[in-house]
């Protein structure tokens, strides 16, 4: 696993935990919470795709 992937996953986890606390405080219907939810979801899908491609090709991608 490359350093950038570790950094990306770590940052995603930190952002997710912050978003979760914010959502608990203000609720699901908050516009900021909804935007961040889309961003986190899209990022999770892209990180999953990157992981799939790395496993499939057995070589580094973007690093």
N, C-alpha and C. Protein backbone atom coordinates (compact mmCIF):
# COMPACT_ATOMS: atom_id res chain seq x y z
N UNK A 1 0.84 -1.17 0.00
CA UNK A 1 0.00 0.00 0.00
C UNK A 1 0.89 1.24 0.00
N UNK A 2 0.60 2.15 -0.84
CA UNK A 2 1.41 3.35 -0.98
C UNK A 2 1.09 4.38 0.09
N UNK A 3 2.03 5.27 0.31
CA UNK A 3 1.88 6.30 1.35
C UNK A 3 0.68 7.21 1.07
N UNK A 4 0.48 7.58 -0.19
CA UNK A 4 -0.64 8.47 -0.50
C UNK A 4 -1.99 7.81 -0.23
N UNK A 5 -2.08 6.52 -0.46
CA UNK A 5 -3.33 5.82 -0.17
C UNK A 5 -3.59 5.80 1.33
N UNK A 6 -2.55 5.58 2.10
CA UNK A 6 -2.70 5.58 3.56
C UNK A 6 -3.13 6.97 4.03
N UNK A 7 -2.54 8.00 3.47
CA UNK A 7 -2.92 9.37 3.83
C UNK A 7 -4.37 9.64 3.43
N UNK A 8 -4.76 9.23 2.23
CA UNK A 8 -6.14 9.45 1.76
C UNK A 8 -7.15 8.76 2.66
N UNK A 9 -6.89 7.51 3.00
CA UNK A 9 -7.82 6.78 3.86
C UNK A 9 -7.87 7.40 5.25
N UNK A 10 -6.72 7.79 5.77
CA UNK A 10 -6.68 8.42 7.09
C UNK A 10 -7.46 9.73 7.11
N UNK A 11 -7.27 10.56 6.10
CA UNK A 11 -8.01 11.81 6.02
C UNK A 11 -9.51 11.57 5.87
N UNK A 12 -9.87 10.55 5.10
CA UNK A 12 -11.28 10.22 4.93
C UNK A 12 -11.90 9.84 6.27
N UNK A 13 -11.19 9.04 7.04
CA UNK A 13 -11.70 8.62 8.35
C UNK A 13 -11.86 9.82 9.28
N UNK A 14 -10.88 10.72 9.28
CA UNK A 14 -10.97 11.92 10.12
C UNK A 14 -12.16 12.78 9.70
N UNK A 15 -12.33 12.98 8.40
CA UNK A 15 -13.47 13.77 7.92
C UNK A 15 -14.80 13.10 8.24
N UNK A 16 -14.85 11.78 8.11
CA UNK A 16 -16.07 11.05 8.41
C UNK A 16 -16.44 11.20 9.88
N UNK A 17 -15.46 11.07 10.76
CA UNK A 17 -15.73 11.21 12.19
C UNK A 17 -16.20 12.63 12.52
N UNK A 18 -15.58 13.63 11.92
CA UNK A 18 -16.02 15.01 12.14
C UNK A 18 -17.42 15.25 11.61
N UNK A 19 -17.71 14.70 10.44
CA UNK A 19 -19.05 14.86 9.86
C UNK A 19 -20.09 14.16 10.71
N UNK A 20 -19.75 12.99 11.23
CA UNK A 20 -20.68 12.24 12.06
C UNK A 20 -21.05 13.03 13.32
N UNK A 21 -20.07 13.63 13.96
CA UNK A 21 -20.34 14.44 15.15
C UNK A 21 -21.18 15.67 14.79
N UNK A 22 -20.87 16.29 13.67
CA UNK A 22 -21.64 17.46 13.22
C UNK A 22 -23.08 17.07 12.93
N UNK A 23 -23.27 15.94 12.26
CA UNK A 23 -24.61 15.48 11.91
C UNK A 23 -25.42 15.15 13.16
N UNK A 24 -24.79 14.56 14.14
CA UNK A 24 -25.48 14.28 15.40
C UNK A 24 -25.92 15.58 16.07
N UNK A 25 -25.09 16.61 15.96
CA UNK A 25 -25.40 17.88 16.61
C UNK A 25 -26.51 18.66 15.90
N UNK A 26 -26.50 18.70 14.56
CA UNK A 26 -27.44 19.55 13.84
C UNK A 26 -28.53 18.79 13.09
N UNK A 27 -28.35 17.52 12.84
CA UNK A 27 -29.38 16.72 12.16
C UNK A 27 -29.05 16.44 10.71
N UNK A 28 -29.78 15.45 10.15
CA UNK A 28 -29.53 14.98 8.79
C UNK A 28 -29.97 15.97 7.72
N UNK A 29 -30.94 16.81 8.02
CA UNK A 29 -31.52 17.68 7.00
C UNK A 29 -30.70 18.95 6.74
N UNK A 30 -29.67 19.18 7.51
CA UNK A 30 -28.83 20.36 7.33
C UNK A 30 -28.18 20.34 5.94
N UNK A 31 -28.22 21.47 5.20
CA UNK A 31 -27.64 21.48 3.84
C UNK A 31 -26.15 21.17 3.81
N UNK A 32 -25.40 21.64 4.78
CA UNK A 32 -23.96 21.35 4.82
C UNK A 32 -23.74 19.86 5.04
N UNK A 33 -24.52 19.28 5.92
CA UNK A 33 -24.40 17.85 6.19
C UNK A 33 -24.69 17.03 4.93
N UNK A 34 -25.69 17.46 4.18
CA UNK A 34 -26.04 16.75 2.95
C UNK A 34 -24.92 16.83 1.91
N UNK A 35 -24.33 18.01 1.76
CA UNK A 35 -23.22 18.17 0.81
C UNK A 35 -22.02 17.32 1.20
N UNK A 36 -21.68 17.36 2.47
CA UNK A 36 -20.53 16.58 2.94
C UNK A 36 -20.81 15.09 2.79
N UNK A 37 -22.05 14.67 3.01
CA UNK A 37 -22.41 13.26 2.84
C UNK A 37 -22.15 12.81 1.40
N UNK A 38 -22.52 13.64 0.42
CA UNK A 38 -22.26 13.30 -0.99
C UNK A 38 -20.76 13.23 -1.27
N UNK A 39 -20.01 14.18 -0.74
CA UNK A 39 -18.56 14.20 -0.96
C UNK A 39 -17.91 12.97 -0.34
N UNK A 40 -18.28 12.63 0.89
CA UNK A 40 -17.71 11.46 1.55
C UNK A 40 -18.10 10.18 0.82
N UNK A 41 -19.33 10.10 0.36
CA UNK A 41 -19.77 8.91 -0.37
C UNK A 41 -19.02 8.73 -1.67
N UNK A 42 -18.89 9.81 -2.43
CA UNK A 42 -18.16 9.75 -3.69
C UNK A 42 -16.69 9.40 -3.47
N UNK A 43 -16.10 9.99 -2.47
CA UNK A 43 -14.69 9.70 -2.16
C UNK A 43 -14.51 8.25 -1.75
N UNK A 44 -15.45 7.71 -0.98
CA UNK A 44 -15.37 6.30 -0.57
C UNK A 44 -15.44 5.38 -1.79
N UNK A 45 -16.31 5.71 -2.73
CA UNK A 45 -16.42 4.90 -3.95
C UNK A 45 -15.13 4.98 -4.76
N UNK A 46 -14.57 6.17 -4.89
CA UNK A 46 -13.32 6.32 -5.65
C UNK A 46 -12.15 5.61 -4.97
N UNK A 47 -12.08 5.66 -3.65
CA UNK A 47 -11.02 4.94 -2.94
C UNK A 47 -11.19 3.43 -3.11
N UNK A 48 -12.43 2.96 -3.09
CA UNK A 48 -12.68 1.54 -3.33
C UNK A 48 -12.28 1.13 -4.73
N UNK A 49 -12.58 1.97 -5.72
CA UNK A 49 -12.18 1.69 -7.10
C UNK A 49 -10.67 1.67 -7.24
N UNK A 50 -10.00 2.59 -6.60
CA UNK A 50 -8.53 2.62 -6.62
C UNK A 50 -7.96 1.34 -6.01
N UNK A 51 -8.52 0.92 -4.89
CA UNK A 51 -8.07 -0.33 -4.26
C UNK A 51 -8.29 -1.53 -5.16
N UNK A 52 -9.45 -1.58 -5.82
CA UNK A 52 -9.74 -2.68 -6.74
C UNK A 52 -8.74 -2.70 -7.89
N UNK A 53 -8.44 -1.54 -8.45
CA UNK A 53 -7.49 -1.48 -9.56
C UNK A 53 -6.09 -1.88 -9.13
N UNK A 54 -5.70 -1.50 -7.93
CA UNK A 54 -4.37 -1.88 -7.44
C UNK A 54 -4.27 -3.38 -7.25
N UNK A 55 -5.30 -3.98 -6.69
CA UNK A 55 -5.28 -5.42 -6.49
C UNK A 55 -5.28 -6.14 -7.83
N UNK A 56 -6.07 -5.64 -8.76
CA UNK A 56 -6.19 -6.28 -10.07
C UNK A 56 -4.90 -6.20 -10.87
N UNK A 57 -4.25 -5.08 -10.84
CA UNK A 57 -3.05 -4.89 -11.67
C UNK A 57 -1.76 -5.27 -10.96
N UNK A 58 -1.78 -5.39 -9.66
CA UNK A 58 -0.59 -5.72 -8.87
C UNK A 58 0.56 -4.75 -9.11
N UNK A 59 0.20 -3.50 -9.33
CA UNK A 59 1.23 -2.48 -9.49
C UNK A 59 0.69 -1.16 -8.98
N UNK A 60 1.58 -0.23 -8.76
CA UNK A 60 1.19 1.07 -8.22
C UNK A 60 0.47 1.90 -9.27
N UNK A 61 -0.55 2.60 -8.83
CA UNK A 61 -1.26 3.54 -9.67
C UNK A 61 -1.11 4.91 -9.03
N UNK A 62 -0.71 5.87 -9.79
CA UNK A 62 -0.52 7.23 -9.29
C UNK A 62 0.47 7.29 -8.14
N UNK A 63 1.50 6.57 -8.24
CA UNK A 63 2.47 6.68 -7.17
C UNK A 63 3.43 5.57 -7.23
